[in-house]
Amino acid sequence: MVAIFIFVIDSWITHKTQPNFVITPADENQVTQLEAAKKGDQLTATERENAIQQFIDDELIFRDAVDAGVHRDLTIYQMIIRKHKGLLTADIEDPSDTELKEFFLTNQYLFMTPTTWTLDYRIKPNNIPQNNNGKAIQAAFSDPIQHLQSATQEQLATYFGPPIEAAMENAPLNKWLGPISHNNRIFWFRIKNVQLPKEQSFEQSKDYALLKWRTHRMEQRVAEHLVSLRAKYGVDEFKGSNL
């Protein structure tokens, strides 16, 4: 799929069929105005000529790079897409408080506090004989207990790893569970408290609601633009492969 898209972009921006390079008066004005702004003063005739020549040289290097296929590099390809999406959505204005509150109330599930766990735990290197569980537990419990306060599911997965995170979901309170082996370590844990999700007020969530609103609106803008692009280039929306 990526290869197909890169081929399409290649056909749009390759300049091999357009060998003549023309710099318009608008190009000249834009270049010289930008250089004058950088300088903080008007350009001399020599500075103006140098600025325009640099613009031409850069454009030629750019075209040569495109002809050489630099845009086919996946990192550059993705960077171009992100940049263009940013340009497409740059003029989106912030919503009014009324509009933002309506979005918050419609999507309130997005603004619940996360479930958090408070727990005790012990960690041992994975060098304890696994055929003698009693000795393993005794060795583990000889270490001091460590504590974790109000950790989210994401934090648990990052710190302990998915197996421990999964084991904690339905674990009883105040009971040591283990041993669980993961990444050359052995874990025991005891859940002290689970704080379930809670609703937050609009004022508490306002900044996050604005971030989510902007993300949602940007996705809408890009989707609307894709509809026009499909019509322009005669490309149907992908409905699934026949392979």
C-alpha atoms as a PDB file:
ATOM      1  CA  MET A   1       0.000   0.000   0.000  1.00  0.00           C
ATOM      2  CA  VAL A   2       2.806   2.443   0.909  1.00  0.00           C
ATOM      3  CA  ALA A   3       4.586   1.592  -2.332  1.00  0.00           C
ATOM      4  CA  ILE A   4       1.428   2.450  -4.300  1.00  0.00           C
ATOM      5  CA  PHE A   5       1.064   5.819  -2.559  1.00  0.00           C
ATOM      6  CA  ILE A   6       4.742   6.653  -3.096  1.00  0.00           C
ATOM      7  CA  PHE A   7       4.345   5.858  -6.796  1.00  0.00           C
ATOM      8  CA  VAL A   8       1.364   8.216  -6.996  1.00  0.00           C
ATOM      9  CA  ILE A   9       3.253  11.017  -5.261  1.00  0.00           C
ATOM     10  CA  ASP A  10       6.216  10.370  -7.552  1.00  0.00           C
ATOM     11  CA  SER A  11       3.980  10.847 -10.581  1.00  0.00           C
ATOM     12  CA  TRP A  12       2.625  14.105  -9.134  1.00  0.00           C
ATOM     13  CA  ILE A  13       5.852  15.852  -8.229  1.00  0.00           C
ATOM     14  CA  THR A  14       8.539  14.506 -10.581  1.00  0.00           C
ATOM     15  CA  HIS A  15       9.703  17.318 -12.880  1.00  0.00           C
ATOM     16  CA  LYS A  16      11.233  15.264 -15.688  1.00  0.00           C
ATOM     17  CA  THR A  17       8.381  16.227 -17.991  1.00  0.00           C
ATOM     18  CA  GLN A  18       8.782  19.903 -17.040  1.00  0.00           C
ATOM     19  CA  PRO A  19      12.482  20.693 -17.722  1.00  0.00           C
ATOM     20  CA  ASN A  20      12.104  24.474 -18.028  1.00  0.00           C
ATOM     21  CA  PHE A  21      12.525  26.423 -14.814  1.00  0.00           C
ATOM     22  CA  VAL A  22      10.674  29.724 -14.625  1.00  0.00           C
ATOM     23  CA  ILE A  23      10.928  32.154 -11.721  1.00  0.00           C
ATOM     24  CA  THR A  24       7.953  34.499 -11.593  1.00  0.00           C
ATOM     25  CA  PRO A  25       7.831  38.081 -10.251  1.00  0.00           C
ATOM     26  CA  ALA A  26       5.803  36.721  -7.335  1.00  0.00           C
ATOM     27  CA  ASP A  27       8.647  34.290  -6.547  1.00  0.00           C
ATOM     28  CA  GLU A  28      11.185  37.129  -6.660  1.00  0.00           C
ATOM     29  CA  ASN A  29       9.113  39.312  -4.354  1.00  0.00           C
ATOM     30  CA  GLN A  30       8.565  36.516  -1.873  1.00  0.00           C
ATOM     31  CA  VAL A  31      12.249  35.623  -1.755  1.00  0.00           C
ATOM     32  CA  THR A  32      13.492  39.185  -1.416  1.00  0.00           C
ATOM     33  CA  GLN A  33      10.875  40.109   1.178  1.00  0.00           C
ATOM     34  CA  LEU A  34      11.872  37.126   3.281  1.00  0.00           C
ATOM     35  CA  GLU A  35      15.569  38.003   3.057  1.00  0.00           C
ATOM     36  CA  ALA A  36      14.855  41.648   3.871  1.00  0.00           C
ATOM     37  CA  ALA A  37      12.881  40.560   6.938  1.00  0.00           C
ATOM     38  CA  LYS A  38      15.816  38.417   8.067  1.00  0.00           C
ATOM     39  CA  LYS A  39      18.206  41.305   7.552  1.00  0.00           C
ATOM     40  CA  GLY A  40      15.871  43.848   9.140  1.00  0.00           C
ATOM     41  CA  ASP A  41      16.541  46.309   6.338  1.00  0.00           C
ATOM     42  CA  GLN A  42      16.156  46.705   2.580  1.00  0.00           C
ATOM     43  CA  LEU A  43      18.419  44.586   0.370  1.00  0.00           C
ATOM     44  CA  THR A  44      21.084  46.055  -1.828  1.00  0.00           C
ATOM     45  CA  ALA A  45      21.020  45.159  -5.523  1.00  0.00           C
ATOM     46  CA  THR A  46      23.780  42.593  -4.964  1.00  0.00           C
ATOM     47  CA  GLU A  47      21.997  41.065  -1.979  1.00  0.00           C
ATOM     48  CA  ARG A  48      18.791  40.842  -4.007  1.00  0.00           C
ATOM     49  CA  GLU A  49      20.600  39.059  -6.849  1.00  0.00           C
ATOM     50  CA  ASN A  50      22.289  36.679  -4.406  1.00  0.00           C
ATOM     51  CA  ALA A  51      18.986  35.857  -2.698  1.00  0.00           C
ATOM     52  CA  ILE A  52      17.276  35.061  -5.994  1.00  0.00           C
ATOM     53  CA  GLN A  53      20.247  33.000  -7.182  1.00  0.00           C
ATOM     54  CA  GLN A  54      20.174  31.019  -3.931  1.00  0.00           C
ATOM     55  CA  PHE A  55      16.459  30.384  -4.433  1.00  0.00           C
ATOM     56  CA  ILE A  56      17.109  29.090  -7.965  1.00  0.00           C
ATOM     57  CA  ASP A  57      19.982  26.889  -6.799  1.00  0.00           C
ATOM     58  CA  ASP A  58      17.903  25.423  -3.973  1.00  0.00           C
ATOM     59  CA  GLU A  59      15.020  24.728  -6.365  1.00  0.00           C
ATOM     60  CA  LEU A  60      17.358  22.955  -8.773  1.00  0.00           C
ATOM     61  CA  ILE A  61      18.801  20.824  -5.968  1.00  0.00           C
ATOM     62  CA  PHE A  62      15.264  20.019  -4.819  1.00  0.00           C
ATOM     63  CA  ARG A  63      14.196  18.958  -8.306  1.00  0.00           C
ATOM     64  CA  ASP A  64      17.315  16.869  -8.726  1.00  0.00           C
ATOM     65  CA  ALA A  65      16.605  15.159  -5.388  1.00  0.00           C
ATOM     66  CA  VAL A  66      13.026  14.399  -6.446  1.00  0.00           C
ATOM     67  CA  ASP A  67      14.232  13.038  -9.793  1.00  0.00           C
ATOM     68  CA  ALA A  68      16.695  10.855  -7.864  1.00  0.00           C
ATOM     69  CA  GLY A  69      13.784   9.492  -5.790  1.00  0.00           C
ATOM     70  CA  VAL A  70      14.639  10.975  -2.394  1.00  0.00           C
ATOM     71  CA  HIS A  71      10.917  11.309  -1.631  1.00  0.00           C
ATOM     72  CA  ARG A  72      10.565   7.523  -1.920  1.00  0.00           C
ATOM     73  CA  ASP A  73      12.460   7.134   1.353  1.00  0.00           C
ATOM     74  CA  LEU A  74       9.806   6.086   3.883  1.00  0.00           C
ATOM     75  CA  THR A  75      10.924   8.580   6.537  1.00  0.00           C
ATOM     76  CA  ILE A  76      10.795  11.509   4.095  1.00  0.00           C
ATOM     77  CA  TYR A  77       7.509  10.229   2.633  1.00  0.00           C
ATOM     78  CA  GLN A  78       5.877  10.192   6.078  1.00  0.00           C
ATOM     79  CA  MET A  79       7.373  13.593   6.931  1.00  0.00           C
ATOM     80  CA  ILE A  80       5.833  15.097   3.768  1.00  0.00           C
ATOM     81  CA  ILE A  81       2.426  13.665   4.666  1.00  0.00           C
ATOM     82  CA  ARG A  82       2.604  15.006   8.251  1.00  0.00           C
ATOM     83  CA  LYS A  83       3.711  18.412   6.987  1.00  0.00           C
ATOM     84  CA  HIS A  84       0.924  18.620   4.443  1.00  0.00           C
ATOM     85  CA  LYS A  85      -1.700  17.529   6.959  1.00  0.00           C
ATOM     86  CA  GLY A  86      -0.390  20.289   9.237  1.00  0.00           C
ATOM     87  CA  LEU A  87      -0.802  22.841   6.444  1.00  0.00           C
ATOM     88  CA  LEU A  88      -4.311  21.597   5.674  1.00  0.00           C
ATOM     89  CA  THR A  89      -5.386  22.082   9.281  1.00  0.00           C
ATOM     90  CA  ALA A  90      -3.336  25.139  10.273  1.00  0.00           C
ATOM     91  CA  ASP A  91      -6.247  27.582   9.961  1.00  0.00           C
ATOM     92  CA  ILE A  92      -8.640  25.703  12.263  1.00  0.00           C
ATOM     93  CA  GLU A  93      -9.833  28.168  14.894  1.00  0.00           C
ATOM     94  CA  ASP A  94     -10.459  27.252  18.507  1.00  0.00           C
ATOM     95  CA  PRO A  95     -14.100  26.578  19.395  1.00  0.00           C
ATOM     96  CA  SER A  96     -16.251  28.769  21.581  1.00  0.00           C
ATOM     97  CA  ASP A  97     -16.785  27.647  25.183  1.00  0.00           C
ATOM     98  CA  THR A  98     -20.321  26.585  24.230  1.00  0.00           C
ATOM     99  CA  GLU A  99     -19.106  24.454  21.333  1.00  0.00           C
ATOM    100  CA  LEU A 100     -16.304  22.949  23.411  1.00  0.00           C
ATOM    101  CA  LYS A 101     -18.660  22.104  26.278  1.00  0.00           C
ATOM    102  CA  GLU A 102     -21.063  20.419  23.852  1.00  0.00           C
ATOM    103  CA  PHE A 103     -18.171  18.323  22.535  1.00  0.00           C
ATOM    104  CA  PHE A 104     -17.166  17.474  26.123  1.00  0.00           C
ATOM    105  CA  LEU A 105     -20.661  16.338  27.083  1.00  0.00           C
ATOM    106  CA  THR A 106     -21.098  14.291  23.904  1.00  0.00           C
ATOM    107  CA  ASN A 107     -17.775  12.520  24.437  1.00  0.00           C
ATOM    108  CA  GLN A 108     -17.590  12.468  28.214  1.00  0.00           C
ATOM    109  CA  TYR A 109     -16.243   8.910  28.247  1.00  0.00           C
ATOM    110  CA  LEU A 110     -12.985  10.363  26.888  1.00  0.00           C
ATOM    111  CA  PHE A 111     -12.541  12.512  29.984  1.00  0.00           C
ATOM    112  CA  MET A 112     -12.995   9.993  32.785  1.00  0.00           C
ATOM    113  CA  THR A 113     -10.135   9.660  35.229  1.00  0.00           C
ATOM    114  CA  PRO A 114      -8.190   6.454  34.511  1.00  0.00           C
ATOM    115  CA  THR A 115      -8.334   3.384  36.724  1.00  0.00           C
ATOM    116  CA  THR A 116      -5.366   3.419  39.109  1.00  0.00           C
ATOM    117  CA  TRP A 117      -3.750   0.767  41.308  1.00  0.00           C
ATOM    118  CA  THR A 118      -1.889   1.165  44.583  1.00  0.00           C
ATOM    119  CA  LEU A 119       0.243  -1.881  45.334  1.00  0.00           C
ATOM    120  CA  ASP A 120       3.173  -3.479  47.097  1.00  0.00           C
ATOM    121  CA  TYR A 121       5.631  -5.517  45.044  1.00  0.00           C
ATOM    122  CA  ARG A 122       8.897  -7.426  45.133  1.00  0.00           C
ATOM    123  CA  ILE A 123      11.251  -8.146  42.252  1.00  0.00           C
ATOM    124  CA  LYS A 124      13.964 -10.795  42.032  1.00  0.00           C
ATOM    125  CA  PRO A 125      16.378 -11.632  39.198  1.00  0.00           C
ATOM    126  CA  ASN A 126      15.262 -14.720  37.336  1.00  0.00           C
ATOM    127  CA  ASN A 127      17.935 -16.959  38.862  1.00  0.00           C
ATOM    128  CA  ILE A 128      15.903 -18.663  41.596  1.00  0.00           C
ATOM    129  CA  PRO A 129      15.273 -22.412  41.035  1.00  0.00           C
ATOM    130  CA  GLN A 130      11.793 -22.741  39.555  1.00  0.00           C
ATOM    131  CA  ASN A 131      11.367 -26.331  40.780  1.00  0.00           C
ATOM    132  CA  ASN A 132      11.160 -25.244  44.403  1.00  0.00           C
ATOM    133  CA  ASN A 133       8.432 -22.644  44.743  1.00  0.00           C
ATOM    134  CA  GLY A 134       8.646 -22.488  48.531  1.00  0.00           C
ATOM    135  CA  LYS A 135      12.296 -21.474  48.505  1.00  0.00           C
ATOM    136  CA  ALA A 136      11.650 -18.979  45.703  1.00  0.00           C
ATOM    137  CA  ILE A 137       8.952 -17.230  47.704  1.00  0.00           C
ATOM    138  CA  GLN A 138      11.083 -17.257  50.860  1.00  0.00           C
ATOM    139  CA  ALA A 139      14.004 -15.732  48.947  1.00  0.00           C
ATOM    140  CA  ALA A 140      11.783 -13.070  47.427  1.00  0.00           C
ATOM    141  CA  PHE A 141      10.212 -12.134  50.731  1.00  0.00           C
ATOM    142  CA  SER A 142      13.624 -11.620  52.302  1.00  0.00           C
ATOM    143  CA  ASP A 143      13.824  -8.357  50.313  1.00  0.00           C
ATOM    144  CA  PRO A 144      12.126  -5.150  51.472  1.00  0.00           C
ATOM    145  CA  ILE A 145       8.679  -4.423  50.075  1.00  0.00           C
ATOM    146  CA  GLN A 146       8.454  -1.676  47.446  1.00  0.00           C
ATOM    147  CA  HIS A 147       5.373   0.475  46.860  1.00  0.00           C
ATOM    148  CA  LEU A 148       3.621   2.035  43.891  1.00  0.00           C
ATOM    149  CA  GLN A 149       0.963   4.679  44.436  1.00  0.00           C
ATOM    150  CA  SER A 150      -1.940   5.381  42.038  1.00  0.00           C
ATOM    151  CA  ALA A 151      -0.384   3.844  38.927  1.00  0.00           C
ATOM    152  CA  THR A 152      -2.380   3.803  35.696  1.00  0.00           C
ATOM    153  CA  GLN A 153      -2.691   0.749  33.452  1.00  0.00           C
ATOM    154  CA  GLU A 154      -0.229   2.295  31.004  1.00  0.00           C
ATOM    155  CA  GLN A 155       2.284   2.877  33.798  1.00  0.00           C
ATOM    156  CA  LEU A 156       1.890  -0.696  35.039  1.00  0.00           C
ATOM    157  CA  ALA A 157       2.513  -2.069  31.543  1.00  0.00           C
ATOM    158  CA  THR A 158       5.566   0.147  31.096  1.00  0.00           C
ATOM    159  CA  TYR A 159       7.116  -0.622  34.476  1.00  0.00           C
ATOM    160  CA  PHE A 160       6.236  -4.286  34.967  1.00  0.00           C
ATOM    161  CA  GLY A 161       5.325  -5.574  31.503  1.00  0.00           C
ATOM    162  CA  PRO A 162       2.087  -6.924  29.964  1.00  0.00           C
ATOM    163  CA  PRO A 163       1.966 -10.257  31.903  1.00  0.00           C
ATOM    164  CA  ILE A 164       1.946  -8.504  35.286  1.00  0.00           C
ATOM    165  CA  GLU A 165      -0.462  -5.831  34.050  1.00  0.00           C
ATOM    166  CA  ALA A 166      -2.876  -8.539  32.859  1.00  0.00           C
ATOM    167  CA  ALA A 167      -2.604 -10.458  36.158  1.00  0.00           C
ATOM    168  CA  MET A 168      -3.466  -7.333  38.141  1.00  0.00           C
ATOM    169  CA  GLU A 169      -6.754  -6.647  36.355  1.00  0.00           C
ATOM    170  CA  ASN A 170      -8.795  -9.216  38.318  1.00  0.00           C
ATOM    171  CA  ALA A 171      -6.492  -9.786  41.265  1.00  0.00           C
ATOM    172  CA  PRO A 172      -8.007  -9.734  44.784  1.00  0.00           C
ATOM    173  CA  LEU A 173      -7.030  -7.048  47.273  1.00  0.00           C
ATOM    174  CA  ASN A 174      -4.419  -7.568  49.986  1.00  0.00           C
ATOM    175  CA  LYS A 175      -3.226 -10.944  48.740  1.00  0.00           C
ATOM    176  CA  TRP A 176       0.285 -11.710  47.503  1.00  0.00           C
ATOM    177  CA  LEU A 177       0.292 -13.103  43.950  1.00  0.00           C
ATOM    178  CA  GLY A 178       3.247 -14.659  42.168  1.00  0.00           C
ATOM    179  CA  PRO A 179       5.758 -15.671  41.159  1.00  0.00           C
ATOM    180  CA  ILE A 180       5.324 -14.243  37.641  1.00  0.00           C
ATOM    181  CA  SER A 181       8.359 -14.349  35.373  1.00  0.00           C
ATOM    182  CA  HIS A 182       8.971 -11.632  32.793  1.00  0.00           C
ATOM    183  CA  ASN A 183      12.126 -10.190  31.150  1.00  0.00           C
ATOM    184  CA  ASN A 184      14.479 -12.243  33.334  1.00  0.00           C
ATOM    185  CA  ARG A 185      12.835 -11.043  36.529  1.00  0.00           C
ATOM    186  CA  ILE A 186      10.378 -12.650  38.939  1.00  0.00           C
ATOM    187  CA  PHE A 187       7.539 -10.559  40.390  1.00  0.00           C
ATOM    188  CA  TRP A 188       5.250 -10.790  43.398  1.00  0.00           C
ATOM    189  CA  PHE A 189       2.633  -8.157  43.993  1.00  0.00           C
ATOM    190  CA  ARG A 190      -0.152  -7.305  46.409  1.00  0.00           C
ATOM    191  CA  ILE A 191      -2.861  -4.828  45.418  1.00  0.00           C
ATOM    192  CA  LYS A 192      -3.820  -2.483  48.231  1.00  0.00           C
ATOM    193  CA  ASN A 193      -6.413  -0.351  46.443  1.00  0.00           C
ATOM    194  CA  VAL A 194      -8.085   0.089  43.051  1.00  0.00           C
ATOM    195  CA  GLN A 195      -9.512   3.486  42.153  1.00  0.00           C
ATOM    196  CA  LEU A 196     -12.157   3.129  39.434  1.00  0.00           C
ATOM    197  CA  PRO A 197     -12.744   5.780  36.738  1.00  0.00           C
ATOM    198  CA  LYS A 198     -14.643   8.917  37.733  1.00  0.00           C
ATOM    199  CA  GLU A 199     -16.311  11.639  35.740  1.00  0.00           C
ATOM    200  CA  GLN A 200     -14.583  15.014  35.710  1.00  0.00           C
ATOM    201  CA  SER A 201     -16.189  18.412  35.370  1.00  0.00           C
ATOM    202  CA  PHE A 202     -15.881  20.493  32.219  1.00  0.00           C
ATOM    203  CA  GLU A 203     -13.601  22.967  34.009  1.00  0.00           C
ATOM    204  CA  GLN A 204     -11.303  20.169  35.178  1.00  0.00           C
ATOM    205  CA  SER A 205     -11.065  18.744  31.656  1.00  0.00           C
ATOM    206  CA  LYS A 206     -11.157  21.939  29.623  1.00  0.00           C
ATOM    207  CA  ASP A 207      -7.550  21.908  28.400  1.00  0.00           C
ATOM    208  CA  TYR A 208      -7.663  18.218  27.520  1.00  0.00           C
ATOM    209  CA  ALA A 209     -11.087  18.671  25.899  1.00  0.00           C
ATOM    210  CA  LEU A 210      -9.635  21.399  23.673  1.00  0.00           C
ATOM    211  CA  LEU A 211      -6.788  19.102  22.651  1.00  0.00           C
ATOM    212  CA  LYS A 212      -9.231  16.286  21.810  1.00  0.00           C
ATOM    213  CA  TRP A 213     -11.532  18.712  19.961  1.00  0.00           C
ATOM    214  CA  ARG A 214      -8.665  19.960  17.814  1.00  0.00           C
ATOM    215  CA  THR A 215      -7.535  16.397  17.060  1.00  0.00           C
ATOM    216  CA  HIS A 216     -11.093  15.477  16.081  1.00  0.00           C
ATOM    217  CA  ARG A 217     -11.514  18.571  13.913  1.00  0.00           C
ATOM    218  CA  MET A 218      -8.157  17.993  12.192  1.00  0.00           C
ATOM    219  CA  GLU A 219      -9.149  14.421  11.363  1.00  0.00           C
ATOM    220  CA  GLN A 220     -12.421  15.728   9.936  1.00  0.00           C
ATOM    221  CA  ARG A 221     -10.615  18.323   7.800  1.00  0.00           C
ATOM    222  CA  VAL A 222      -8.205  15.747   6.371  1.00  0.00           C
ATOM    223  CA  ALA A 223     -11.092  13.328   5.675  1.00  0.00           C
ATOM    224  CA  GLU A 224     -12.992  16.082   3.839  1.00  0.00           C
ATOM    225  CA  HIS A 225      -9.910  16.908   1.776  1.00  0.00           C
ATOM    226  CA  LEU A 226      -9.427  13.238   0.892  1.00  0.00           C
ATOM    227  CA  VAL A 227     -12.959  13.123  -0.515  1.00  0.00           C
ATOM    228  CA  SER A 228     -12.090  15.962  -2.905  1.00  0.00           C
ATOM    229  CA  LEU A 229      -8.759  14.328  -3.802  1.00  0.00           C
ATOM    230  CA  ARG A 230     -10.443  11.023  -4.626  1.00  0.00           C
ATOM    231  CA  ALA A 231     -12.839  12.848  -6.922  1.00  0.00           C
ATOM    232  CA  LYS A 232     -10.022  14.889  -8.496  1.00  0.00           C
ATOM    233  CA  TYR A 233      -7.818  11.884  -9.280  1.00  0.00           C
ATOM    234  CA  GLY A 234     -10.561   9.322  -9.857  1.00  0.00           C
ATOM    235  CA  VAL A 235      -9.485   7.109  -6.964  1.00  0.00           C
ATOM    236  CA  ASP A 236     -12.167   5.046  -5.234  1.00  0.00           C
ATOM    237  CA  GLU A 237     -12.077   4.406  -1.509  1.00  0.00           C
ATOM    238  CA  PHE A 238     -10.440   1.045  -0.768  1.00  0.00           C
ATOM    239  CA  LYS A 239     -13.098  -1.533   0.101  1.00  0.00           C
ATOM    240  CA  GLY A 240     -10.931  -4.588   0.622  1.00  0.00           C
ATOM    241  CA  SER A 241      -8.603  -6.825  -1.333  1.00  0.00           C
ATOM    242  CA  ASN A 242      -9.659  -9.603  -3.696  1.00  0.00           C
ATOM    243  CA  LEU A 243      -6.438 -11.497  -2.953  1.00  0.00           C
END
